[in-house]
C-alpha atoms as a PDB file:
ATOM      1  CA  MET A   1       0.000   0.000   0.000  1.00  0.00           C
ATOM      2  CA  PRO A   2       1.530   3.328  -0.982  1.00  0.00           C
ATOM      3  CA  SER A   3       1.982   5.917   1.732  1.00  0.00           C
ATOM      4  CA  VAL A   4       2.503   9.649   1.620  1.00  0.00           C
ATOM      5  CA  ASN A   5       3.795  12.026   4.265  1.00  0.00           C
ATOM      6  CA  ILE A   6       1.979  15.259   5.124  1.00  0.00           C
ATOM      7  CA  ARG A   7       4.645  17.314   3.343  1.00  0.00           C
ATOM      8  CA  GLN A   8       4.455  15.091   0.255  1.00  0.00           C
ATOM      9  CA  PHE A   9       0.668  15.397   0.203  1.00  0.00           C
ATOM     10  CA  ARG A  10       1.010  18.444  -2.052  1.00  0.00           C
ATOM     11  CA  ASP A  11       1.939  16.146  -4.947  1.00  0.00           C
ATOM     12  CA  VAL A  12      -1.685  15.665  -5.920  1.00  0.00           C
ATOM     13  CA  GLU A  13      -0.945  14.120  -9.323  1.00  0.00           C
ATOM     14  CA  ARG A  14       0.819  11.107  -7.824  1.00  0.00           C
ATOM     15  CA  LEU A  15      -1.960  10.717  -5.255  1.00  0.00           C
ATOM     16  CA  LYS A  16      -4.649  10.824  -7.957  1.00  0.00           C
ATOM     17  CA  ALA A  17      -2.746   8.263 -10.033  1.00  0.00           C
ATOM     18  CA  TRP A  18      -2.631   5.825  -7.111  1.00  0.00           C
ATOM     19  CA  LEU A  19      -6.328   6.306  -6.383  1.00  0.00           C
ATOM     20  CA  ARG A  20      -7.305   5.866 -10.049  1.00  0.00           C
ATOM     21  CA  ALA A  21      -5.303   2.624 -10.031  1.00  0.00           C
ATOM     22  CA  GLY A  22      -7.516   1.450  -7.162  1.00  0.00           C
ATOM     23  CA  LYS A  23      -4.867   1.645  -4.443  1.00  0.00           C
ATOM     24  CA  THR A  24      -5.556   2.721  -0.891  1.00  0.00           C
ATOM     25  CA  VAL A  25      -3.105   5.416   0.223  1.00  0.00           C
ATOM     26  CA  GLU A  26      -1.894   5.851   3.798  1.00  0.00           C
ATOM     27  CA  LEU A  27      -1.419   9.402   5.064  1.00  0.00           C
ATOM     28  CA  ARG A  28       1.412   9.566   7.605  1.00  0.00           C
ATOM     29  CA  GLU A  29       2.758  12.104  10.040  1.00  0.00           C
ATOM     30  CA  ARG A  30       6.122  11.304  11.600  1.00  0.00           C
ATOM     31  CA  ASP A  31       5.874   7.653  10.496  1.00  0.00           C
ATOM     32  CA  GLU A  32       2.485   7.237  12.163  1.00  0.00           C
ATOM     33  CA  VAL A  33      -0.567   6.435  10.037  1.00  0.00           C
ATOM     34  CA  ILE A  34      -3.195   9.096  10.679  1.00  0.00           C
ATOM     35  CA  ALA A  35      -5.578   8.314   7.800  1.00  0.00           C
ATOM     36  CA  ARG A  36      -6.258   6.029   4.879  1.00  0.00           C
ATOM     37  CA  ILE A  37      -7.609   7.427   1.635  1.00  0.00           C
ATOM     38  CA  VAL A  38      -9.747   4.814  -0.097  1.00  0.00           C
ATOM     39  CA  PRO A  39     -10.689   5.121  -3.770  1.00  0.00           C
ATOM     40  CA  GLU A  40     -14.358   5.508  -4.651  1.00  0.00           C
ATOM     41  CA  GLY A  41     -16.075   2.244  -5.471  1.00  0.00           C
ATOM     42  CA  SER A  42     -13.887   0.146  -3.183  1.00  0.00           C
ATOM     43  CA  PRO A  43     -15.697  -2.558  -1.307  1.00  0.00           C
ATOM     44  CA  ARG A  44     -16.491  -1.372   2.185  1.00  0.00           C
ATOM     45  CA  PRO A  45     -15.482  -3.564   5.062  1.00  0.00           C
ATOM     46  CA  THR A  46     -18.420  -5.534   6.299  1.00  0.00           C
ATOM     47  CA  GLY A  47     -18.813  -6.609   9.833  1.00  0.00           C
ATOM     48  CA  ASP A  48     -21.472  -7.261  12.349  1.00  0.00           C
ATOM     49  CA  TRP A  49     -22.201  -4.345  14.628  1.00  0.00           C
ATOM     50  CA  PRO A  50     -22.883  -5.138  18.260  1.00  0.00           C
ATOM     51  CA  ASP A  51     -26.440  -4.846  19.514  1.00  0.00           C
ATOM     52  CA  PHE A  52     -26.120  -1.484  21.260  1.00  0.00           C
ATOM     53  CA  ALA A  53     -29.727  -1.479  22.441  1.00  0.00           C
ATOM     54  CA  ALA A  54     -29.231  -4.827  24.178  1.00  0.00           C
ATOM     55  CA  MET A  55     -26.033  -3.566  25.783  1.00  0.00           C
ATOM     56  CA  ARG A  56     -27.848  -0.465  27.056  1.00  0.00           C
ATOM     57  CA  ARG A  57     -30.670  -2.580  28.502  1.00  0.00           C
ATOM     58  CA  GLU A  58     -28.120  -4.839  30.191  1.00  0.00           C
ATOM     59  CA  ILE A  59     -26.382  -1.883  31.832  1.00  0.00           C
ATOM     60  CA  PHE A  60     -29.291   0.439  32.654  1.00  0.00           C
ATOM     61  CA  GLY A  61     -32.342  -1.819  32.551  1.00  0.00           C
ATOM     62  CA  GLU A  62     -35.559  -0.186  31.365  1.00  0.00           C
ATOM     63  CA  ARG A  63     -35.123   3.098  33.239  1.00  0.00           C
ATOM     64  CA  VAL A  64     -34.963   6.393  31.376  1.00  0.00           C
ATOM     65  CA  LEU A  65     -31.985   8.560  32.220  1.00  0.00           C
ATOM     66  CA  PRO A  66     -32.570  12.284  32.884  1.00  0.00           C
ATOM     67  CA  GLY A  67     -30.101  13.624  30.334  1.00  0.00           C
ATOM     68  CA  GLU A  68     -31.808  16.912  29.580  1.00  0.00           C
ATOM     69  CA  ASP A  69     -32.032  17.955  33.234  1.00  0.00           C
ATOM     70  CA  ILE A  70     -28.328  17.250  33.752  1.00  0.00           C
ATOM     71  CA  ALA A  71     -27.336  19.238  30.659  1.00  0.00           C
ATOM     72  CA  ILE A  72     -29.408  22.263  31.727  1.00  0.00           C
ATOM     73  CA  GLU A  73     -28.022  22.098  35.266  1.00  0.00           C
ATOM     74  CA  LYS A  74     -24.400  21.941  34.041  1.00  0.00           C
ATOM     75  CA  ARG A  75     -24.962  24.744  31.507  1.00  0.00           C
ATOM     76  CA  SER A  76     -25.953  27.207  34.216  1.00  0.00           C
ATOM     77  CA  ARG A  77     -22.525  26.894  35.848  1.00  0.00           C
ATOM     78  CA  TYR A  78     -20.812  28.731  32.988  1.00  0.00           C
END
């Protein structure tokens, strides 16, 4: 997989050539990957998402949390 540094990111022609060839390009800053640029039309990764509603019910039960009251109370402090 080709990679490009932040400073080299200005070379748009090379980047466009890689993307038109269907390659995913890694964007790096100080040898650390900070992003991946994926060409349009690439297959998206598929995976099963966890059942967030079931997780919420397991943690909180069926009670409704008073989120709005807390937000209004905290807002008045500033």
